[in-house]
Amino acid sequence: MPSTTPSAAQPFVLQAELPSAAAFKALYDTTGWGPVAREAGFYQAALAGSWRSRSAYLEGHLVGLARVISDGHLHAFITEMIVHPEHQGQGIGSALLRALLQDCLAAGVTDIQLFCAKGKSPFYVQHGFISRPDDAPGMQYRPAG
């Protein structure tokens, strides 16, 4: 899939190719979601499980990444939506999410789910997501201790 080219309105470039594990780790480390001590190889294995992804680059540096795991037919789960904190609010997250939603819908996948970080639900609502009702099915595993 071709990359988008930068423009005055969109100074970043979107690519369908996965980023390097080192670049993903550096971006992931800005989130505070996991231990910074993880090696790049850990992230390489995670990237290998991606069904679709989009990477956003600004002046050659990875500033955003969104990826999906899916069976390609029934279900898709957006596993990461990361935009470097210094580049949030510039349309990068919206462009990443729109591209992944287009991929899913083009494959006929309409059950698209995600977990969102605290305080980020308004962003996803803007893009057509709704919160699951409290009495809806679904649970998340949380190991003891």
C-alpha atoms as a PDB file:
ATOM      1  CA  MET A   1       0.000   0.000   0.000  1.00  0.00           C
ATOM      2  CA  PRO A   2       1.453   3.388  -0.898  1.00  0.00           C
ATOM      3  CA  SER A   3       2.401   5.910   1.730  1.00  0.00           C
ATOM      4  CA  THR A   4       0.769   9.251   2.042  1.00  0.00           C
ATOM      5  CA  THR A   5       3.024  12.161   1.269  1.00  0.00           C
ATOM      6  CA  PRO A   6       3.423  15.130   3.558  1.00  0.00           C
ATOM      7  CA  SER A   7       1.605  18.355   2.806  1.00  0.00           C
ATOM      8  CA  ALA A   8       1.139  21.687   4.533  1.00  0.00           C
ATOM      9  CA  ALA A   9      -2.095  20.385   6.085  1.00  0.00           C
ATOM     10  CA  GLN A  10      -0.558  16.984   6.911  1.00  0.00           C
ATOM     11  CA  PRO A  11       3.187  17.288   7.560  1.00  0.00           C
ATOM     12  CA  PHE A  12       3.481  13.626   8.572  1.00  0.00           C
ATOM     13  CA  VAL A  13       3.740  10.545   6.353  1.00  0.00           C
ATOM     14  CA  LEU A  14       1.642   7.402   6.926  1.00  0.00           C
ATOM     15  CA  GLN A  15       3.074   4.031   5.999  1.00  0.00           C
ATOM     16  CA  ALA A  16       1.527   0.564   6.090  1.00  0.00           C
ATOM     17  CA  GLU A  17       4.902  -1.045   6.786  1.00  0.00           C
ATOM     18  CA  LEU A  18       5.726  -1.922  10.361  1.00  0.00           C
ATOM     19  CA  PRO A  19       8.373   0.251  12.036  1.00  0.00           C
ATOM     20  CA  SER A  20      11.590  -1.157  13.427  1.00  0.00           C
ATOM     21  CA  ALA A  21      11.330  -2.757  16.840  1.00  0.00           C
ATOM     22  CA  ALA A  22      13.677  -0.108  18.262  1.00  0.00           C
ATOM     23  CA  ALA A  23      11.480   2.732  16.969  1.00  0.00           C
ATOM     24  CA  PHE A  24       8.338   1.014  18.297  1.00  0.00           C
ATOM     25  CA  LYS A  25       9.968   0.539  21.702  1.00  0.00           C
ATOM     26  CA  ALA A  26      11.004   4.192  21.855  1.00  0.00           C
ATOM     27  CA  LEU A  27       7.462   5.314  20.996  1.00  0.00           C
ATOM     28  CA  TYR A  28       5.844   2.776  23.338  1.00  0.00           C
ATOM     29  CA  ASP A  29       8.087   3.956  26.176  1.00  0.00           C
ATOM     30  CA  THR A  30       6.455   7.428  25.950  1.00  0.00           C
ATOM     31  CA  THR A  31       3.121   5.932  27.085  1.00  0.00           C
ATOM     32  CA  GLY A  32       4.064   4.628  30.521  1.00  0.00           C
ATOM     33  CA  TRP A  33       2.128   1.428  29.716  1.00  0.00           C
ATOM     34  CA  GLY A  34       4.948  -1.038  30.310  1.00  0.00           C
ATOM     35  CA  PRO A  35       8.399  -1.486  31.751  1.00  0.00           C
ATOM     36  CA  VAL A  36      11.019   0.596  29.941  1.00  0.00           C
ATOM     37  CA  ALA A  37      13.499  -2.229  30.633  1.00  0.00           C
ATOM     38  CA  ARG A  38      11.936  -4.419  27.915  1.00  0.00           C
ATOM     39  CA  GLU A  39      14.311  -5.159  25.055  1.00  0.00           C
ATOM     40  CA  ALA A  40      13.530  -4.275  21.428  1.00  0.00           C
ATOM     41  CA  GLY A  41      13.161  -8.008  20.657  1.00  0.00           C
ATOM     42  CA  PHE A  42      10.063  -8.072  22.853  1.00  0.00           C
ATOM     43  CA  TYR A  43       8.492  -5.447  20.616  1.00  0.00           C
ATOM     44  CA  GLN A  44       9.611  -7.224  17.440  1.00  0.00           C
ATOM     45  CA  ALA A  45       7.604 -10.278  18.512  1.00  0.00           C
ATOM     46  CA  ALA A  46       4.569  -8.084  19.230  1.00  0.00           C
ATOM     47  CA  LEU A  47       4.821  -6.387  15.836  1.00  0.00           C
ATOM     48  CA  ALA A  48       4.983  -9.784  14.127  1.00  0.00           C
ATOM     49  CA  GLY A  49       1.464 -10.535  15.408  1.00  0.00           C
ATOM     50  CA  SER A  50      -0.055  -7.517  13.668  1.00  0.00           C
ATOM     51  CA  TRP A  51      -2.766  -8.012  11.045  1.00  0.00           C
ATOM     52  CA  ARG A  52      -2.629  -4.404   9.814  1.00  0.00           C
ATOM     53  CA  SER A  53      -0.771  -1.343  10.990  1.00  0.00           C
ATOM     54  CA  ARG A  54      -0.029   2.255  10.154  1.00  0.00           C
ATOM     55  CA  SER A  55       3.024   4.187  11.178  1.00  0.00           C
ATOM     56  CA  ALA A  56       3.248   7.977  11.150  1.00  0.00           C
ATOM     57  CA  TYR A  57       6.578   9.624  10.472  1.00  0.00           C
ATOM     58  CA  LEU A  58       7.584  13.238  10.806  1.00  0.00           C
ATOM     59  CA  GLU A  59      10.931  14.160   9.277  1.00  0.00           C
ATOM     60  CA  GLY A  60      11.850  10.456   9.265  1.00  0.00           C
ATOM     61  CA  HIS A  61      11.047   9.867  12.953  1.00  0.00           C
ATOM     62  CA  LEU A  62       8.255   7.549  14.135  1.00  0.00           C
ATOM     63  CA  VAL A  63       5.705   9.751  15.902  1.00  0.00           C
ATOM     64  CA  GLY A  64       2.643   7.511  15.775  1.00  0.00           C
ATOM     65  CA  LEU A  65       1.645   3.884  15.447  1.00  0.00           C
ATOM     66  CA  ALA A  66      -1.653   2.062  15.342  1.00  0.00           C
ATOM     67  CA  ARG A  67      -2.013  -1.655  14.848  1.00  0.00           C
ATOM     68  CA  VAL A  68      -4.697  -4.304  14.679  1.00  0.00           C
ATOM     69  CA  ILE A  69      -4.791  -7.995  15.447  1.00  0.00           C
ATOM     70  CA  SER A  70      -7.571  -9.841  13.655  1.00  0.00           C
ATOM     71  CA  ASP A  71      -8.789 -13.093  12.160  1.00  0.00           C
ATOM     72  CA  GLY A  72      -9.451 -11.042   9.024  1.00  0.00           C
ATOM     73  CA  HIS A  73     -13.133 -11.982   8.875  1.00  0.00           C
ATOM     74  CA  LEU A  74     -15.129 -11.607  12.089  1.00  0.00           C
ATOM     75  CA  HIS A  75     -13.194  -9.661  14.680  1.00  0.00           C
ATOM     76  CA  ALA A  76     -10.533  -6.979  14.858  1.00  0.00           C
ATOM     77  CA  PHE A  77      -8.923  -5.534  17.939  1.00  0.00           C
ATOM     78  CA  ILE A  78      -6.977  -2.289  17.842  1.00  0.00           C
ATOM     79  CA  THR A  79      -4.071  -3.064  20.129  1.00  0.00           C
ATOM     80  CA  GLU A  80      -2.186   0.213  20.037  1.00  0.00           C
ATOM     81  CA  MET A  81      -2.997   3.775  19.139  1.00  0.00           C
ATOM     82  CA  ILE A  82       0.070   5.736  20.123  1.00  0.00           C
ATOM     83  CA  VAL A  83       1.004   9.272  19.183  1.00  0.00           C
ATOM     84  CA  HIS A  84       4.116  10.742  20.739  1.00  0.00           C
ATOM     85  CA  PRO A  85       2.986  13.256  23.391  1.00  0.00           C
ATOM     86  CA  GLU A  86       4.822  16.112  21.625  1.00  0.00           C
ATOM     87  CA  HIS A  87       2.785  15.481  18.458  1.00  0.00           C
ATOM     88  CA  GLN A  88      -0.710  14.894  19.816  1.00  0.00           C
ATOM     89  CA  GLY A  89      -3.495  17.166  18.622  1.00  0.00           C
ATOM     90  CA  GLN A  90      -2.092  17.416  15.073  1.00  0.00           C
ATOM     91  CA  GLY A  91      -4.430  14.910  13.377  1.00  0.00           C
ATOM     92  CA  ILE A  92      -1.983  12.012  13.468  1.00  0.00           C
ATOM     93  CA  GLY A  93      -4.153   9.772  15.646  1.00  0.00           C
ATOM     94  CA  SER A  94      -7.218  10.476  13.520  1.00  0.00           C
ATOM     95  CA  ALA A  95      -5.345   9.617  10.330  1.00  0.00           C
ATOM     96  CA  LEU A  96      -3.983   6.402  11.843  1.00  0.00           C
ATOM     97  CA  LEU A  97      -7.389   5.309  13.126  1.00  0.00           C
ATOM     98  CA  ARG A  98      -9.211   6.143   9.878  1.00  0.00           C
ATOM     99  CA  ALA A  99      -6.689   4.089   7.897  1.00  0.00           C
ATOM    100  CA  LEU A 100      -7.103   1.051  10.145  1.00  0.00           C
ATOM    101  CA  LEU A 101     -10.885   1.307  10.105  1.00  0.00           C
ATOM    102  CA  GLN A 102     -10.792   1.414   6.297  1.00  0.00           C
ATOM    103  CA  ASP A 103      -8.635  -1.733   6.266  1.00  0.00           C
ATOM    104  CA  CYS A 104     -11.054  -3.564   8.545  1.00  0.00           C
ATOM    105  CA  LEU A 105     -14.163  -2.518   6.658  1.00  0.00           C
ATOM    106  CA  ALA A 106     -12.573  -3.334   3.289  1.00  0.00           C
ATOM    107  CA  ALA A 107     -11.978  -6.877   4.577  1.00  0.00           C
ATOM    108  CA  GLY A 108     -15.595  -7.113   5.738  1.00  0.00           C
ATOM    109  CA  VAL A 109     -14.692  -6.936   9.423  1.00  0.00           C
ATOM    110  CA  THR A 110     -17.258  -4.866  11.281  1.00  0.00           C
ATOM    111  CA  ASP A 111     -16.710  -6.059  14.874  1.00  0.00           C
ATOM    112  CA  ILE A 112     -13.873  -3.681  15.730  1.00  0.00           C
ATOM    113  CA  GLN A 113     -12.961  -3.292  19.373  1.00  0.00           C
ATOM    114  CA  LEU A 114     -10.383  -1.532  21.509  1.00  0.00           C
ATOM    115  CA  PHE A 115      -9.492  -0.540  25.014  1.00  0.00           C
ATOM    116  CA  CYS A 116      -8.826   3.145  25.400  1.00  0.00           C
ATOM    117  CA  ALA A 117      -6.669   4.950  27.893  1.00  0.00           C
ATOM    118  CA  LYS A 118      -8.385   6.878  30.653  1.00  0.00           C
ATOM    119  CA  GLY A 119      -9.704  10.206  29.379  1.00  0.00           C
ATOM    120  CA  LYS A 120      -9.358   9.296  25.693  1.00  0.00           C
ATOM    121  CA  SER A 121     -12.898   8.038  25.011  1.00  0.00           C
ATOM    122  CA  PRO A 122     -14.092  11.340  23.442  1.00  0.00           C
ATOM    123  CA  PHE A 123     -11.486  10.859  20.687  1.00  0.00           C
ATOM    124  CA  TYR A 124     -12.851   7.408  19.863  1.00  0.00           C
ATOM    125  CA  VAL A 125     -16.475   8.561  20.046  1.00  0.00           C
ATOM    126  CA  GLN A 126     -15.614  11.130  17.337  1.00  0.00           C
ATOM    127  CA  HIS A 127     -14.598   8.184  15.147  1.00  0.00           C
ATOM    128  CA  GLY A 128     -17.735   6.107  15.652  1.00  0.00           C
ATOM    129  CA  PHE A 129     -16.890   4.032  18.725  1.00  0.00           C
ATOM    130  CA  ILE A 130     -19.308   3.625  21.606  1.00  0.00           C
ATOM    131  CA  SER A 131     -18.759   2.508  25.186  1.00  0.00           C
ATOM    132  CA  ARG A 132     -19.979  -0.954  26.056  1.00  0.00           C
ATOM    133  CA  PRO A 133     -22.881  -0.975  28.498  1.00  0.00           C
ATOM    134  CA  ASP A 134     -22.015  -2.129  32.019  1.00  0.00           C
ATOM    135  CA  ASP A 135     -24.234  -5.197  31.561  1.00  0.00           C
ATOM    136  CA  ALA A 136     -22.793  -6.123  28.132  1.00  0.00           C
ATOM    137  CA  PRO A 137     -20.732  -9.258  27.705  1.00  0.00           C
ATOM    138  CA  GLY A 138     -17.012  -9.014  27.877  1.00  0.00           C
ATOM    139  CA  MET A 139     -14.318  -9.193  30.481  1.00  0.00           C
ATOM    140  CA  GLN A 140     -10.607  -8.590  30.711  1.00  0.00           C
ATOM    141  CA  TYR A 141      -8.162 -11.006  32.347  1.00  0.00           C
ATOM    142  CA  ARG A 142      -6.211  -9.583  35.246  1.00  0.00           C
ATOM    143  CA  PRO A 143      -3.716 -11.947  36.898  1.00  0.00           C
ATOM    144  CA  ALA A 144      -3.642 -12.110  40.690  1.00  0.00           C
ATOM    145  CA  GLY A 145      -0.832 -10.397  42.549  1.00  0.00           C
END
